[in-house]
């Protein structure tokens, strides 16, 4: 019996959706300790996924792409979280199923290999790297030529982008607030990319400057105030600005959190999930709870500085992805 516990992730921003410099995409993201997907798996003579989850079909398809001919797998989904809320469950579900097949059938594949086979990471490499090693992640995007148009990860079949920086994140509390609605997905997501890209080069340059000279130094120096103000600035620039405009409720929630003392508040990916950093996350959680009422949930978590946890109980062994 194999048990896999994935992380989740915040997608802070795409960096270059202009591509005039020869590369496109590029991402900044952060791995979270919760929410998580937990599966238990074992060999079987057929492909079977049990447990009440919207990720059943995705896991079945991902497992089928890696299974040796004539072999099967039983996957029981013990815990999950919704798709299309900005926390990257699709990539984690696909990689978890793929990794289960990889270990149970001793295929010897890396996380990168699995991601290629199950078709994840074609725009942002954050989810793949979060599964592999956790922490704060900066990736370098793709050559614009190999990738011929502006597309989300769900519609791009390129390999995951190269990781330029992976760093342990400070032990800061992180407020996560999830309104009870969905972010853009599938065809809608593709249409947004096609409509708003390329974004103005000047905004890409300004965003890059904030990342390089504010966000990253604040991370290294563990300066939560500057890190937070950098997150605030990112929400008003480039592709992230377009994402925020599509989620007016999330935008209002971010402002309420800033007004309530948050050093920084941002929206993950296409939302609606909002996250915030501050000294008093208990007060921020109260603000988020009152704002959302019964139309969402808020919780406090921390960054996760390791990848997926893999326990092979038959071997009394614990392995890291």
C-alpha atoms as a PDB file:
ATOM      1  CA  UNK A   1       0.000   0.000   0.000  1.00  0.00           C
ATOM      2  CA  UNK A   2       1.431   3.342  -1.110  1.00  0.00           C
ATOM      3  CA  UNK A   3       0.324   6.661   0.403  1.00  0.00           C
ATOM      4  CA  UNK A   4       1.006   9.990  -1.317  1.00  0.00           C
ATOM      5  CA  UNK A   5       0.303  13.403   0.214  1.00  0.00           C
ATOM      6  CA  UNK A   6       0.716  16.326  -2.162  1.00  0.00           C
ATOM      7  CA  UNK A   7       1.147  20.006  -1.316  1.00  0.00           C
ATOM      8  CA  UNK A   8      -0.856  22.840  -2.857  1.00  0.00           C
ATOM      9  CA  UNK A   9       0.562  26.040  -4.289  1.00  0.00           C
ATOM     10  CA  UNK A  10       0.050  29.763  -4.664  1.00  0.00           C
ATOM     11  CA  UNK A  11       0.723  31.030  -8.173  1.00  0.00           C
ATOM     12  CA  UNK A  12       1.889  34.569  -7.481  1.00  0.00           C
ATOM     13  CA  UNK A  13       2.293  35.755 -11.064  1.00  0.00           C
ATOM     14  CA  UNK A  14       3.273  35.002 -14.629  1.00  0.00           C
ATOM     15  CA  UNK A  15       6.215  37.217 -15.533  1.00  0.00           C
ATOM     16  CA  UNK A  16       6.443  37.796 -19.286  1.00  0.00           C
ATOM     17  CA  UNK A  17       3.310  37.535 -21.380  1.00  0.00           C
ATOM     18  CA  UNK A  18       4.757  39.873 -24.014  1.00  0.00           C
ATOM     19  CA  UNK A  19       7.444  37.536 -25.411  1.00  0.00           C
ATOM     20  CA  UNK A  20       9.271  40.152 -27.494  1.00  0.00           C
ATOM     21  CA  UNK A  21      12.507  39.180 -25.721  1.00  0.00           C
ATOM     22  CA  UNK A  22      12.332  35.632 -27.030  1.00  0.00           C
ATOM     23  CA  UNK A  23      10.856  33.915 -23.971  1.00  0.00           C
ATOM     24  CA  UNK A  24       7.316  33.651 -22.645  1.00  0.00           C
ATOM     25  CA  UNK A  25       5.632  32.753 -19.349  1.00  0.00           C
ATOM     26  CA  UNK A  26       8.006  32.596 -16.403  1.00  0.00           C
ATOM     27  CA  UNK A  27       6.378  32.185 -13.001  1.00  0.00           C
ATOM     28  CA  UNK A  28       6.713  32.966  -9.315  1.00  0.00           C
ATOM     29  CA  UNK A  29       5.006  30.700  -6.809  1.00  0.00           C
ATOM     30  CA  UNK A  30       4.943  29.323  -3.306  1.00  0.00           C
ATOM     31  CA  UNK A  31       4.206  25.826  -1.984  1.00  0.00           C
ATOM     32  CA  UNK A  32       1.617  25.499   0.804  1.00  0.00           C
ATOM     33  CA  UNK A  33       1.336  22.876   3.519  1.00  0.00           C
ATOM     34  CA  UNK A  34      -2.440  22.785   3.159  1.00  0.00           C
ATOM     35  CA  UNK A  35      -4.780  22.065   1.551  1.00  0.00           C
ATOM     36  CA  UNK A  36      -3.478  18.715   0.311  1.00  0.00           C
ATOM     37  CA  UNK A  37      -4.489  15.726  -1.779  1.00  0.00           C
ATOM     38  CA  UNK A  38      -4.014  12.348  -0.088  1.00  0.00           C
ATOM     39  CA  UNK A  39      -4.274   9.071  -1.970  1.00  0.00           C
ATOM     40  CA  UNK A  40      -3.649   5.430  -1.096  1.00  0.00           C
ATOM     41  CA  UNK A  41      -2.781   3.121  -3.962  1.00  0.00           C
ATOM     42  CA  UNK A  42      -1.953  -0.477  -4.735  1.00  0.00           C
ATOM     43  CA  UNK A  43      -1.457  -2.748  -7.721  1.00  0.00           C
ATOM     44  CA  UNK A  44      -4.587  -4.044  -9.416  1.00  0.00           C
ATOM     45  CA  UNK A  45      -5.635  -5.875 -12.553  1.00  0.00           C
ATOM     46  CA  UNK A  46      -7.642  -2.827 -13.711  1.00  0.00           C
ATOM     47  CA  UNK A  47      -7.686   0.962 -13.349  1.00  0.00           C
ATOM     48  CA  UNK A  48      -9.964   1.981 -10.515  1.00  0.00           C
ATOM     49  CA  UNK A  49     -10.284   5.254  -8.586  1.00  0.00           C
ATOM     50  CA  UNK A  50     -12.481   5.360  -5.478  1.00  0.00           C
ATOM     51  CA  UNK A  51     -13.464   8.138  -3.094  1.00  0.00           C
ATOM     52  CA  UNK A  52     -15.760  11.071  -3.697  1.00  0.00           C
ATOM     53  CA  UNK A  53     -13.717  13.548  -5.744  1.00  0.00           C
ATOM     54  CA  UNK A  54     -13.884  15.706  -8.851  1.00  0.00           C
ATOM     55  CA  UNK A  55     -10.354  14.470  -9.669  1.00  0.00           C
ATOM     56  CA  UNK A  56     -11.374  10.871 -10.357  1.00  0.00           C
ATOM     57  CA  UNK A  57     -11.278  11.135 -14.154  1.00  0.00           C
ATOM     58  CA  UNK A  58      -8.008  13.094 -14.158  1.00  0.00           C
ATOM     59  CA  UNK A  59      -6.310  10.475 -11.997  1.00  0.00           C
ATOM     60  CA  UNK A  60      -7.612   7.637 -14.148  1.00  0.00           C
ATOM     61  CA  UNK A  61      -6.315   9.287 -17.323  1.00  0.00           C
ATOM     62  CA  UNK A  62      -2.944  10.120 -15.787  1.00  0.00           C
ATOM     63  CA  UNK A  63      -2.471   6.598 -14.450  1.00  0.00           C
ATOM     64  CA  UNK A  64      -3.426   5.101 -17.824  1.00  0.00           C
ATOM     65  CA  UNK A  65      -0.732   7.160 -19.576  1.00  0.00           C
ATOM     66  CA  UNK A  66       2.004   5.506 -17.495  1.00  0.00           C
ATOM     67  CA  UNK A  67       0.756   1.998 -16.759  1.00  0.00           C
ATOM     68  CA  UNK A  68       2.555  -0.880 -18.475  1.00  0.00           C
ATOM     69  CA  UNK A  69       0.323  -2.718 -20.934  1.00  0.00           C
ATOM     70  CA  UNK A  70      -2.133  -5.053 -19.226  1.00  0.00           C
ATOM     71  CA  UNK A  71      -1.486  -3.675 -15.719  1.00  0.00           C
ATOM     72  CA  UNK A  72      -3.793  -1.718 -13.430  1.00  0.00           C
ATOM     73  CA  UNK A  73      -3.916   0.336 -10.263  1.00  0.00           C
ATOM     74  CA  UNK A  74      -6.380   1.038  -7.475  1.00  0.00           C
ATOM     75  CA  UNK A  75      -6.312   4.635  -6.217  1.00  0.00           C
ATOM     76  CA  UNK A  76      -8.368   5.627  -3.197  1.00  0.00           C
ATOM     77  CA  UNK A  77      -8.715   9.402  -2.790  1.00  0.00           C
ATOM     78  CA  UNK A  78      -8.792  10.027   0.962  1.00  0.00           C
ATOM     79  CA  UNK A  79      -8.638  13.818   0.825  1.00  0.00           C
ATOM     80  CA  UNK A  80      -8.638  16.502  -1.839  1.00  0.00           C
ATOM     81  CA  UNK A  81      -9.565  20.095  -2.573  1.00  0.00           C
ATOM     82  CA  UNK A  82     -11.502  21.665  -5.467  1.00  0.00           C
ATOM     83  CA  UNK A  83     -10.176  22.422  -8.924  1.00  0.00           C
ATOM     84  CA  UNK A  84     -10.139  25.881 -10.534  1.00  0.00           C
ATOM     85  CA  UNK A  85      -9.834  27.850  -7.298  1.00  0.00           C
ATOM     86  CA  UNK A  86      -6.215  28.933  -7.827  1.00  0.00           C
ATOM     87  CA  UNK A  87      -4.431  26.327  -5.698  1.00  0.00           C
ATOM     88  CA  UNK A  88      -3.218  23.954  -8.424  1.00  0.00           C
ATOM     89  CA  UNK A  89      -5.153  20.770  -7.616  1.00  0.00           C
ATOM     90  CA  UNK A  90      -5.166  19.552 -11.233  1.00  0.00           C
ATOM     91  CA  UNK A  91      -1.397  19.277 -11.445  1.00  0.00           C
ATOM     92  CA  UNK A  92      -1.121  17.707  -7.997  1.00  0.00           C
ATOM     93  CA  UNK A  93      -3.790  15.114  -8.786  1.00  0.00           C
ATOM     94  CA  UNK A  94      -2.175  14.183 -12.099  1.00  0.00           C
ATOM     95  CA  UNK A  95       1.319  13.940 -10.609  1.00  0.00           C
ATOM     96  CA  UNK A  96       0.111  11.939  -7.602  1.00  0.00           C
ATOM     97  CA  UNK A  97      -1.520   9.337  -9.838  1.00  0.00           C
ATOM     98  CA  UNK A  98       1.502   9.258 -12.137  1.00  0.00           C
ATOM     99  CA  UNK A  99       3.947   8.917  -9.259  1.00  0.00           C
ATOM    100  CA  UNK A 100       1.894   6.067  -7.794  1.00  0.00           C
ATOM    101  CA  UNK A 101       2.206   4.114 -11.048  1.00  0.00           C
ATOM    102  CA  UNK A 102       5.892   5.024 -11.276  1.00  0.00           C
ATOM    103  CA  UNK A 103       6.695   3.590  -7.834  1.00  0.00           C
ATOM    104  CA  UNK A 104       4.367   0.585  -7.851  1.00  0.00           C
ATOM    105  CA  UNK A 105       5.724  -0.582 -11.214  1.00  0.00           C
ATOM    106  CA  UNK A 106       9.317   0.560 -10.630  1.00  0.00           C
ATOM    107  CA  UNK A 107       9.445   2.686 -13.795  1.00  0.00           C
ATOM    108  CA  UNK A 108      12.341   4.851 -12.571  1.00  0.00           C
ATOM    109  CA  UNK A 109      10.834   8.138 -13.775  1.00  0.00           C
ATOM    110  CA  UNK A 110      11.579  11.574 -12.323  1.00  0.00           C
ATOM    111  CA  UNK A 111       8.850  14.073 -11.407  1.00  0.00           C
ATOM    112  CA  UNK A 112       9.804  15.989 -14.569  1.00  0.00           C
ATOM    113  CA  UNK A 113       9.361  12.815 -16.675  1.00  0.00           C
ATOM    114  CA  UNK A 114       5.959  12.173 -15.151  1.00  0.00           C
ATOM    115  CA  UNK A 115       4.859  15.769 -15.732  1.00  0.00           C
ATOM    116  CA  UNK A 116       5.746  15.473 -19.421  1.00  0.00           C
ATOM    117  CA  UNK A 117       3.822  12.222 -19.789  1.00  0.00           C
ATOM    118  CA  UNK A 118       0.678  13.508 -18.052  1.00  0.00           C
ATOM    119  CA  UNK A 119       0.839  16.891 -19.811  1.00  0.00           C
ATOM    120  CA  UNK A 120       1.380  19.305 -16.920  1.00  0.00           C
ATOM    121  CA  UNK A 121       3.655  22.344 -16.616  1.00  0.00           C
ATOM    122  CA  UNK A 122       3.388  23.632 -20.175  1.00  0.00           C
ATOM    123  CA  UNK A 123       3.002  27.251 -19.041  1.00  0.00           C
ATOM    124  CA  UNK A 124       3.954  27.407 -15.364  1.00  0.00           C
ATOM    125  CA  UNK A 125       6.425  25.048 -13.729  1.00  0.00           C
ATOM    126  CA  UNK A 126       5.357  26.017 -10.207  1.00  0.00           C
ATOM    127  CA  UNK A 127       3.017  23.081  -9.552  1.00  0.00           C
ATOM    128  CA  UNK A 128       5.504  20.506 -10.813  1.00  0.00           C
ATOM    129  CA  UNK A 129       8.332  21.969  -8.738  1.00  0.00           C
ATOM    130  CA  UNK A 130       6.042  22.237  -5.693  1.00  0.00           C
ATOM    131  CA  UNK A 131       5.338  18.497  -5.965  1.00  0.00           C
ATOM    132  CA  UNK A 132       9.025  17.728  -6.370  1.00  0.00           C
ATOM    133  CA  UNK A 133      10.722  19.964  -3.792  1.00  0.00           C
ATOM    134  CA  UNK A 134       8.358  22.575  -2.317  1.00  0.00           C
ATOM    135  CA  UNK A 135       9.427  26.038  -1.162  1.00  0.00           C
ATOM    136  CA  UNK A 136       9.439  29.341  -3.029  1.00  0.00           C
ATOM    137  CA  UNK A 137       9.919  28.846  -6.775  1.00  0.00           C
ATOM    138  CA  UNK A 138      10.900  31.027  -9.733  1.00  0.00           C
ATOM    139  CA  UNK A 139      10.910  29.481 -13.197  1.00  0.00           C
ATOM    140  CA  UNK A 140      12.271  30.783 -16.482  1.00  0.00           C
ATOM    141  CA  UNK A 141       9.398  30.160 -18.876  1.00  0.00           C
ATOM    142  CA  UNK A 142       9.757  28.823 -22.420  1.00  0.00           C
ATOM    143  CA  UNK A 143      11.402  29.889 -25.661  1.00  0.00           C
ATOM    144  CA  UNK A 144       8.872  31.738 -27.770  1.00  0.00           C
ATOM    145  CA  UNK A 145       9.197  29.678 -30.893  1.00  0.00           C
ATOM    146  CA  UNK A 146       9.019  26.321 -29.219  1.00  0.00           C
ATOM    147  CA  UNK A 147       5.814  27.722 -27.738  1.00  0.00           C
ATOM    148  CA  UNK A 148       4.133  29.505 -30.615  1.00  0.00           C
ATOM    149  CA  UNK A 149       1.222  31.202 -28.854  1.00  0.00           C
ATOM    150  CA  UNK A 150       0.022  32.420 -25.455  1.00  0.00           C
ATOM    151  CA  UNK A 151      -1.652  29.490 -23.700  1.00  0.00           C
ATOM    152  CA  UNK A 152      -2.442  28.289 -20.160  1.00  0.00           C
ATOM    153  CA  UNK A 153      -0.881  25.099 -18.806  1.00  0.00           C
ATOM    154  CA  UNK A 154      -4.088  23.164 -19.475  1.00  0.00           C
ATOM    155  CA  UNK A 155      -3.724  23.782 -23.217  1.00  0.00           C
ATOM    156  CA  UNK A 156       0.069  23.683 -23.601  1.00  0.00           C
ATOM    157  CA  UNK A 157       1.968  20.437 -24.122  1.00  0.00           C
ATOM    158  CA  UNK A 158       5.503  21.727 -23.628  1.00  0.00           C
ATOM    159  CA  UNK A 159       7.738  20.319 -20.858  1.00  0.00           C
ATOM    160  CA  UNK A 160       7.799  22.215 -17.538  1.00  0.00           C
ATOM    161  CA  UNK A 161       9.860  25.417 -17.520  1.00  0.00           C
ATOM    162  CA  UNK A 162      13.372  25.367 -15.993  1.00  0.00           C
ATOM    163  CA  UNK A 163      13.545  26.291 -12.306  1.00  0.00           C
ATOM    164  CA  UNK A 164      15.842  29.288 -11.828  1.00  0.00           C
ATOM    165  CA  UNK A 165      15.430  29.564  -8.059  1.00  0.00           C
ATOM    166  CA  UNK A 166      14.072  27.281  -5.376  1.00  0.00           C
ATOM    167  CA  UNK A 167      14.409  28.539  -1.805  1.00  0.00           C
ATOM    168  CA  UNK A 168      13.023  27.606   1.599  1.00  0.00           C
ATOM    169  CA  UNK A 169      10.354  30.100   2.625  1.00  0.00           C
ATOM    170  CA  UNK A 170      10.360  31.771   6.075  1.00  0.00           C
ATOM    171  CA  UNK A 171       8.177  30.424   8.876  1.00  0.00           C
ATOM    172  CA  UNK A 172       5.492  33.061   8.314  1.00  0.00           C
ATOM    173  CA  UNK A 173       1.801  32.439   8.853  1.00  0.00           C
ATOM    174  CA  UNK A 174      -0.123  32.728   5.601  1.00  0.00           C
ATOM    175  CA  UNK A 175      -3.805  33.537   5.505  1.00  0.00           C
ATOM    176  CA  UNK A 176      -5.660  31.765   2.686  1.00  0.00           C
ATOM    177  CA  UNK A 177      -9.248  32.793   1.883  1.00  0.00           C
ATOM    178  CA  UNK A 178     -11.290  30.924  -0.722  1.00  0.00           C
ATOM    179  CA  UNK A 179     -14.561  32.460  -1.957  1.00  0.00           C
ATOM    180  CA  UNK A 180     -17.163  29.881  -2.970  1.00  0.00           C
ATOM    181  CA  UNK A 181     -16.809  30.351  -6.717  1.00  0.00           C
ATOM    182  CA  UNK A 182     -14.557  29.202  -9.531  1.00  0.00           C
ATOM    183  CA  UNK A 183     -11.739  30.840 -11.436  1.00  0.00           C
ATOM    184  CA  UNK A 184     -11.343  30.654 -15.206  1.00  0.00           C
ATOM    185  CA  UNK A 185     -10.704  27.239 -16.708  1.00  0.00           C
ATOM    186  CA  UNK A 186     -10.372  25.363 -19.980  1.00  0.00           C
ATOM    187  CA  UNK A 187     -11.771  27.192 -23.029  1.00  0.00           C
ATOM    188  CA  UNK A 188     -12.494  30.352 -21.025  1.00  0.00           C
ATOM    189  CA  UNK A 189      -8.900  30.406 -19.809  1.00  0.00           C
ATOM    190  CA  UNK A 190      -7.565  29.956 -23.349  1.00  0.00           C
ATOM    191  CA  UNK A 191      -9.778  32.798 -24.590  1.00  0.00           C
ATOM    192  CA  UNK A 192      -8.455  35.132 -21.889  1.00  0.00           C
ATOM    193  CA  UNK A 193      -4.847  34.404 -22.836  1.00  0.00           C
ATOM    194  CA  UNK A 194      -5.604  35.012 -26.496  1.00  0.00           C
ATOM    195  CA  UNK A 195      -7.505  38.231 -25.789  1.00  0.00           C
ATOM    196  CA  UNK A 196      -5.147  40.045 -23.387  1.00  0.00           C
ATOM    197  CA  UNK A 197      -1.734  38.869 -24.674  1.00  0.00           C
ATOM    198  CA  UNK A 198       0.697  40.212 -25.517  1.00  0.00           C
ATOM    199  CA  UNK A 199       0.605  42.562 -22.528  1.00  0.00           C
ATOM    200  CA  UNK A 200       2.562  45.849 -22.800  1.00  0.00           C
ATOM    201  CA  UNK A 201       6.318  45.367 -22.561  1.00  0.00           C
ATOM    202  CA  UNK A 202       6.622  48.308 -20.161  1.00  0.00           C
ATOM    203  CA  UNK A 203       4.462  46.488 -17.609  1.00  0.00           C
ATOM    204  CA  UNK A 204       6.545  43.323 -17.965  1.00  0.00           C
ATOM    205  CA  UNK A 205       9.685  45.381 -17.341  1.00  0.00           C
ATOM    206  CA  UNK A 206       8.176  47.012 -14.251  1.00  0.00           C
ATOM    207  CA  UNK A 207       6.993  43.662 -12.914  1.00  0.00           C
ATOM    208  CA  UNK A 208      10.435  42.107 -13.498  1.00  0.00           C
ATOM    209  CA  UNK A 209      12.058  44.993 -11.624  1.00  0.00           C
ATOM    210  CA  UNK A 210       9.761  44.474  -8.620  1.00  0.00           C
ATOM    211  CA  UNK A 211      10.485  40.730  -8.577  1.00  0.00           C
ATOM    212  CA  UNK A 212      14.256  41.124  -8.912  1.00  0.00           C
ATOM    213  CA  UNK A 213      14.874  44.150  -6.702  1.00  0.00           C
ATOM    214  CA  UNK A 214      12.095  43.936  -4.103  1.00  0.00           C
ATOM    215  CA  UNK A 215      10.399  40.551  -3.809  1.00  0.00           C
ATOM    216  CA  UNK A 216      13.510  38.348  -4.018  1.00  0.00           C
ATOM    217  CA  UNK A 217      15.726  40.477  -1.724  1.00  0.00           C
ATOM    218  CA  UNK A 218      12.872  40.612   0.820  1.00  0.00           C
ATOM    219  CA  UNK A 219      12.641  36.826   0.681  1.00  0.00           C
ATOM    220  CA  UNK A 220      16.375  36.395   1.291  1.00  0.00           C
ATOM    221  CA  UNK A 221      16.401  38.981   4.106  1.00  0.00           C
ATOM    222  CA  UNK A 222      13.126  37.629   5.557  1.00  0.00           C
ATOM    223  CA  UNK A 223      11.634  41.109   5.382  1.00  0.00           C
ATOM    224  CA  UNK A 224       7.892  40.446   5.552  1.00  0.00           C
ATOM    225  CA  UNK A 225       6.960  44.130   5.195  1.00  0.00           C
ATOM    226  CA  UNK A 226       8.753  44.606   1.860  1.00  0.00           C
ATOM    227  CA  UNK A 227       7.711  41.152   0.692  1.00  0.00           C
ATOM    228  CA  UNK A 228       4.093  42.109   1.352  1.00  0.00           C
ATOM    229  CA  UNK A 229       4.325  45.465  -0.403  1.00  0.00           C
ATOM    230  CA  UNK A 230       5.845  43.683  -3.397  1.00  0.00           C
ATOM    231  CA  UNK A 231       2.867  41.322  -3.504  1.00  0.00           C
ATOM    232  CA  UNK A 232       0.549  44.355  -3.469  1.00  0.00           C
ATOM    233  CA  UNK A 233       2.407  45.972  -6.369  1.00  0.00           C
ATOM    234  CA  UNK A 234       2.297  42.772  -8.442  1.00  0.00           C
ATOM    235  CA  UNK A 235      -1.529  42.741  -8.390  1.00  0.00           C
ATOM    236  CA  UNK A 236      -1.587  45.960 -10.452  1.00  0.00           C
ATOM    237  CA  UNK A 237       0.737  44.907 -13.242  1.00  0.00           C
ATOM    238  CA  UNK A 238       0.904  42.907 -16.452  1.00  0.00           C
ATOM    239  CA  UNK A 239      -1.090  39.661 -16.767  1.00  0.00           C
ATOM    240  CA  UNK A 240      -1.821  39.508 -13.039  1.00  0.00           C
ATOM    241  CA  UNK A 241      -3.739  42.785 -13.317  1.00  0.00           C
ATOM    242  CA  UNK A 242      -5.973  41.152 -15.953  1.00  0.00           C
ATOM    243  CA  UNK A 243      -6.562  38.119 -13.720  1.00  0.00           C
ATOM    244  CA  UNK A 244      -7.541  40.315 -10.761  1.00  0.00           C
ATOM    245  CA  UNK A 245      -9.978  42.333 -12.884  1.00  0.00           C
ATOM    246  CA  UNK A 246     -11.897  39.119 -13.585  1.00  0.00           C
ATOM    247  CA  UNK A 247     -12.502  38.509  -9.874  1.00  0.00           C
ATOM    248  CA  UNK A 248     -14.059  41.674  -8.357  1.00  0.00           C
ATOM    249  CA  UNK A 249     -14.968  39.889  -5.114  1.00  0.00           C
ATOM    250  CA  UNK A 250     -11.372  38.746  -4.608  1.00  0.00           C
ATOM    251  CA  UNK A 251     -10.140  42.252  -5.390  1.00  0.00           C
ATOM    252  CA  UNK A 252     -12.401  43.722  -2.691  1.00  0.00           C
ATOM    253  CA  UNK A 253     -11.293  41.053  -0.220  1.00  0.00           C
ATOM    254  CA  UNK A 254      -7.629  41.866  -0.843  1.00  0.00           C
ATOM    255  CA  UNK A 255      -8.278  45.525  -0.133  1.00  0.00           C
ATOM    256  CA  UNK A 256     -10.201  44.690   3.048  1.00  0.00           C
ATOM    257  CA  UNK A 257      -7.240  42.641   4.263  1.00  0.00           C
ATOM    258  CA  UNK A 258      -4.788  45.448   3.487  1.00  0.00           C
ATOM    259  CA  UNK A 259      -7.037  47.923   5.275  1.00  0.00           C
ATOM    260  CA  UNK A 260      -7.080  45.520   8.214  1.00  0.00           C
ATOM    261  CA  UNK A 261      -3.317  45.447   8.572  1.00  0.00           C
ATOM    262  CA  UNK A 262      -2.004  42.969   6.013  1.00  0.00           C
ATOM    263  CA  UNK A 263       1.438  43.877   4.701  1.00  0.00           C
ATOM    264  CA  UNK A 264       0.468  42.277   1.430  1.00  0.00           C
ATOM    265  CA  UNK A 265      -2.512  40.516  -0.140  1.00  0.00           C
ATOM    266  CA  UNK A 266      -2.667  38.826  -3.522  1.00  0.00           C
ATOM    267  CA  UNK A 267      -4.743  36.516  -5.662  1.00  0.00           C
ATOM    268  CA  UNK A 268      -3.423  33.114  -6.693  1.00  0.00           C
ATOM    269  CA  UNK A 269      -3.544  32.367 -10.425  1.00  0.00           C
ATOM    270  CA  UNK A 270      -7.017  33.124 -11.861  1.00  0.00           C
ATOM    271  CA  UNK A 271      -8.446  33.052  -8.340  1.00  0.00           C
ATOM    272  CA  UNK A 272     -10.673  33.264  -6.561  1.00  0.00           C
ATOM    273  CA  UNK A 273      -8.254  32.260  -3.763  1.00  0.00           C
ATOM    274  CA  UNK A 274      -6.732  35.224  -1.916  1.00  0.00           C
ATOM    275  CA  UNK A 275      -3.691  35.053   0.349  1.00  0.00           C
ATOM    276  CA  UNK A 276      -2.198  37.547   2.782  1.00  0.00           C
ATOM    277  CA  UNK A 277       0.868  38.133   4.967  1.00  0.00           C
ATOM    278  CA  UNK A 278       0.865  40.113   8.198  1.00  0.00           C
ATOM    279  CA  UNK A 279       1.856  40.128  11.853  1.00  0.00           C
ATOM    280  CA  UNK A 280      -1.639  39.363  13.163  1.00  0.00           C
ATOM    281  CA  UNK A 281      -3.074  36.693  10.880  1.00  0.00           C
ATOM    282  CA  UNK A 282      -5.749  35.940  13.477  1.00  0.00           C
ATOM    283  CA  UNK A 283      -7.242  39.387  12.915  1.00  0.00           C
ATOM    284  CA  UNK A 284      -6.900  38.938   9.151  1.00  0.00           C
ATOM    285  CA  UNK A 285      -8.717  35.632   9.354  1.00  0.00           C
ATOM    286  CA  UNK A 286     -11.554  37.318  11.239  1.00  0.00           C
ATOM    287  CA  UNK A 287     -11.790  39.979   8.517  1.00  0.00           C
ATOM    288  CA  UNK A 288     -11.849  37.318   5.790  1.00  0.00           C
ATOM    289  CA  UNK A 289     -14.453  35.273   7.684  1.00  0.00           C
ATOM    290  CA  UNK A 290     -16.748  38.258   8.125  1.00  0.00           C
ATOM    291  CA  UNK A 291     -16.273  39.281   4.498  1.00  0.00           C
ATOM    292  CA  UNK A 292     -17.067  35.833   3.108  1.00  0.00           C
ATOM    293  CA  UNK A 293     -19.712  34.716   5.594  1.00  0.00           C
ATOM    294  CA  UNK A 294     -21.082  31.399   4.363  1.00  0.00           C
ATOM    295  CA  UNK A 295     -19.797  32.076   0.843  1.00  0.00           C
ATOM    296  CA  UNK A 296     -16.305  30.764   1.396  1.00  0.00           C
ATOM    297  CA  UNK A 297     -13.722  29.681   3.921  1.00  0.00           C
ATOM    298  CA  UNK A 298     -10.517  31.051   5.422  1.00  0.00           C
ATOM    299  CA  UNK A 299      -7.658  29.286   7.169  1.00  0.00           C
ATOM    300  CA  UNK A 300      -4.070  29.850   8.235  1.00  0.00           C
ATOM    301  CA  UNK A 301      -1.246  27.723   6.899  1.00  0.00           C
ATOM    302  CA  UNK A 302       2.492  27.938   6.290  1.00  0.00           C
ATOM    303  CA  UNK A 303       4.785  27.365   3.362  1.00  0.00           C
ATOM    304  CA  UNK A 304       5.873  23.802   2.757  1.00  0.00           C
ATOM    305  CA  UNK A 305       9.595  23.473   2.126  1.00  0.00           C
ATOM    306  CA  UNK A 306       9.471  19.910   0.861  1.00  0.00           C
ATOM    307  CA  UNK A 307       7.653  18.146  -1.920  1.00  0.00           C
ATOM    308  CA  UNK A 308       5.061  15.392  -1.879  1.00  0.00           C
ATOM    309  CA  UNK A 309       5.321  12.878   0.958  1.00  0.00           C
ATOM    310  CA  UNK A 310       5.429   9.290  -0.204  1.00  0.00           C
ATOM    311  CA  UNK A 311       5.045   6.416   2.241  1.00  0.00           C
ATOM    312  CA  UNK A 312       5.497   2.852   1.093  1.00  0.00           C
ATOM    313  CA  UNK A 313       4.026   0.936   3.992  1.00  0.00           C
ATOM    314  CA  UNK A 314       4.898  -2.467   2.608  1.00  0.00           C
ATOM    315  CA  UNK A 315       8.555  -1.504   2.879  1.00  0.00           C
ATOM    316  CA  UNK A 316       8.132   0.450   6.136  1.00  0.00           C
ATOM    317  CA  UNK A 317       9.887   3.186   4.218  1.00  0.00           C
ATOM    318  CA  UNK A 318       9.292   6.879   3.573  1.00  0.00           C
ATOM    319  CA  UNK A 319      10.453   8.495   0.338  1.00  0.00           C
ATOM    320  CA  UNK A 320      10.415  12.086  -0.878  1.00  0.00           C
ATOM    321  CA  UNK A 321       9.303  12.901  -4.390  1.00  0.00           C
END
